[in-house]
Amino acid sequence: MKVRVITAKDCPKCRMYVRNLVTVKFAYEIYDGDAEENQEQLDAWKVEEFPVIQLLDNDGKLHYQFPPGAVAPRVIEAQIRRFE
């Protein structure tokens, strides 16, 4: 499993959350919620607020999406263990 963090440039909570991710033990990627080419996908995922954390399998298939807001790394790790 890997983690996708959907962020926006004008989101102070996003900046702080991403800055704190340097301490985590899981792989993650940043997804640009501001990019015009991503808007259709964000609509499909029903993303209206940031940050949003998603769990993906190795093929990129979405398995779980946390509600908007900062999620503690230990909560993400516990959810990853549930899927492994």
C-alpha atoms as a PDB file:
ATOM      1  CA  MET A   1       0.000   0.000   0.000  1.00  0.00           C
ATOM      2  CA  LYS A   2       1.063   3.561  -0.599  1.00  0.00           C
ATOM      3  CA  VAL A   3      -0.371   6.860   0.506  1.00  0.00           C
ATOM      4  CA  ARG A   4      -1.532   9.718  -1.703  1.00  0.00           C
ATOM      5  CA  VAL A   5      -1.843  13.152  -0.101  1.00  0.00           C
ATOM      6  CA  ILE A   6      -4.084  15.526  -2.057  1.00  0.00           C
ATOM      7  CA  THR A   7      -3.126  19.118  -1.314  1.00  0.00           C
ATOM      8  CA  ALA A   8      -3.706  22.682  -2.490  1.00  0.00           C
ATOM      9  CA  LYS A   9      -1.276  25.599  -2.545  1.00  0.00           C
ATOM     10  CA  ASP A  10      -3.561  27.944  -0.596  1.00  0.00           C
ATOM     11  CA  CYS A  11      -4.145  25.402   2.198  1.00  0.00           C
ATOM     12  CA  PRO A  12      -2.066  26.166   5.324  1.00  0.00           C
ATOM     13  CA  LYS A  13      -3.166  22.878   6.891  1.00  0.00           C
ATOM     14  CA  CYS A  14      -1.818  21.039   3.823  1.00  0.00           C
ATOM     15  CA  ARG A  15       1.591  22.712   4.005  1.00  0.00           C
ATOM     16  CA  MET A  16       1.940  21.898   7.693  1.00  0.00           C
ATOM     17  CA  TYR A  17       0.778  18.314   7.157  1.00  0.00           C
ATOM     18  CA  VAL A  18       3.210  17.658   4.287  1.00  0.00           C
ATOM     19  CA  ARG A  19       6.062  19.203   6.287  1.00  0.00           C
ATOM     20  CA  ASN A  20       5.334  16.760   9.130  1.00  0.00           C
ATOM     21  CA  LEU A  21       5.326  13.722   6.821  1.00  0.00           C
ATOM     22  CA  VAL A  22       9.127  13.601   6.789  1.00  0.00           C
ATOM     23  CA  THR A  23       8.957  11.468   9.954  1.00  0.00           C
ATOM     24  CA  VAL A  24       6.661   8.736   8.585  1.00  0.00           C
ATOM     25  CA  LYS A  25       7.701   5.198   7.690  1.00  0.00           C
ATOM     26  CA  PHE A  26       5.374   4.694   4.720  1.00  0.00           C
ATOM     27  CA  ALA A  27       5.727   5.727   1.089  1.00  0.00           C
ATOM     28  CA  TYR A  28       3.594   8.644  -0.019  1.00  0.00           C
ATOM     29  CA  GLU A  29       3.030  10.823  -3.049  1.00  0.00           C
ATOM     30  CA  ILE A  30       1.697  14.356  -3.313  1.00  0.00           C
ATOM     31  CA  TYR A  31      -1.247  14.960  -5.660  1.00  0.00           C
ATOM     32  CA  ASP A  32      -1.789  18.547  -6.822  1.00  0.00           C
ATOM     33  CA  GLY A  33      -5.370  19.532  -6.060  1.00  0.00           C
ATOM     34  CA  ASP A  34      -4.875  22.859  -7.850  1.00  0.00           C
ATOM     35  CA  ALA A  35      -3.859  21.421 -11.229  1.00  0.00           C
ATOM     36  CA  GLU A  36      -6.546  21.939 -13.861  1.00  0.00           C
ATOM     37  CA  GLU A  37      -5.909  18.489 -15.349  1.00  0.00           C
ATOM     38  CA  ASN A  38      -6.738  16.864 -11.973  1.00  0.00           C
ATOM     39  CA  GLN A  39     -10.130  18.533 -11.435  1.00  0.00           C
ATOM     40  CA  GLU A  40     -12.197  15.825 -13.136  1.00  0.00           C
ATOM     41  CA  GLN A  41     -10.540  13.132 -11.014  1.00  0.00           C
ATOM     42  CA  LEU A  42     -11.042  15.180  -7.837  1.00  0.00           C
ATOM     43  CA  ASP A  43     -14.744  15.454  -8.698  1.00  0.00           C
ATOM     44  CA  ALA A  44     -14.915  11.666  -9.144  1.00  0.00           C
ATOM     45  CA  TRP A  45     -13.312  11.209  -5.721  1.00  0.00           C
ATOM     46  CA  LYS A  46     -15.670  13.881  -4.280  1.00  0.00           C
ATOM     47  CA  VAL A  47     -12.735  15.931  -2.979  1.00  0.00           C
ATOM     48  CA  GLU A  48     -13.881  19.424  -1.997  1.00  0.00           C
ATOM     49  CA  GLU A  49     -11.610  20.167   0.986  1.00  0.00           C
ATOM     50  CA  PHE A  50      -7.930  19.563   1.637  1.00  0.00           C
ATOM     51  CA  PRO A  51      -5.855  17.728   2.639  1.00  0.00           C
ATOM     52  CA  VAL A  52      -7.298  14.349   1.685  1.00  0.00           C
ATOM     53  CA  ILE A  53      -5.366  11.153   2.366  1.00  0.00           C
ATOM     54  CA  GLN A  54      -5.939   8.079   0.186  1.00  0.00           C
ATOM     55  CA  LEU A  55      -4.592   4.532   0.388  1.00  0.00           C
ATOM     56  CA  LEU A  56      -3.657   2.873  -2.902  1.00  0.00           C
ATOM     57  CA  ASP A  57      -2.456  -0.583  -3.817  1.00  0.00           C
ATOM     58  CA  ASN A  58       0.715  -1.077  -5.861  1.00  0.00           C
ATOM     59  CA  ASP A  59      -1.302  -0.815  -9.092  1.00  0.00           C
ATOM     60  CA  GLY A  60      -2.663   2.592  -8.071  1.00  0.00           C
ATOM     61  CA  LYS A  61      -6.173   1.365  -7.270  1.00  0.00           C
ATOM     62  CA  LEU A  62      -7.868   3.405  -4.550  1.00  0.00           C
ATOM     63  CA  HIS A  63      -8.783   1.309  -1.486  1.00  0.00           C
ATOM     64  CA  TYR A  64      -9.613   3.903   1.138  1.00  0.00           C
ATOM     65  CA  GLN A  65     -10.085   7.656   1.405  1.00  0.00           C
ATOM     66  CA  PHE A  66      -9.956   9.393   4.769  1.00  0.00           C
ATOM     67  CA  PRO A  67     -12.324  12.331   5.361  1.00  0.00           C
ATOM     68  CA  PRO A  68     -10.765  15.753   4.628  1.00  0.00           C
ATOM     69  CA  GLY A  69      -8.311  17.039   7.207  1.00  0.00           C
ATOM     70  CA  ALA A  70      -5.023  16.054   8.727  1.00  0.00           C
ATOM     71  CA  VAL A  71      -4.861  12.389   9.726  1.00  0.00           C
ATOM     72  CA  ALA A  72      -2.320  11.201  12.287  1.00  0.00           C
ATOM     73  CA  PRO A  73       0.375   8.991  10.741  1.00  0.00           C
ATOM     74  CA  ARG A  74      -0.372   6.241  13.286  1.00  0.00           C
ATOM     75  CA  VAL A  75      -3.995   6.158  12.061  1.00  0.00           C
ATOM     76  CA  ILE A  76      -2.790   5.844   8.466  1.00  0.00           C
ATOM     77  CA  GLU A  77      -0.378   3.064   9.440  1.00  0.00           C
ATOM     78  CA  ALA A  78      -3.172   1.190  11.267  1.00  0.00           C
ATOM     79  CA  GLN A  79      -5.406   1.425   8.199  1.00  0.00           C
ATOM     80  CA  ILE A  80      -2.565   0.192   5.961  1.00  0.00           C
ATOM     81  CA  ARG A  81      -2.134  -2.865   8.229  1.00  0.00           C
ATOM     82  CA  ARG A  82      -5.853  -3.639   7.845  1.00  0.00           C
ATOM     83  CA  PHE A  83      -5.402  -3.937   4.070  1.00  0.00           C
ATOM     84  CA  GLU A  84      -2.174  -5.981   4.125  1.00  0.00           C
END
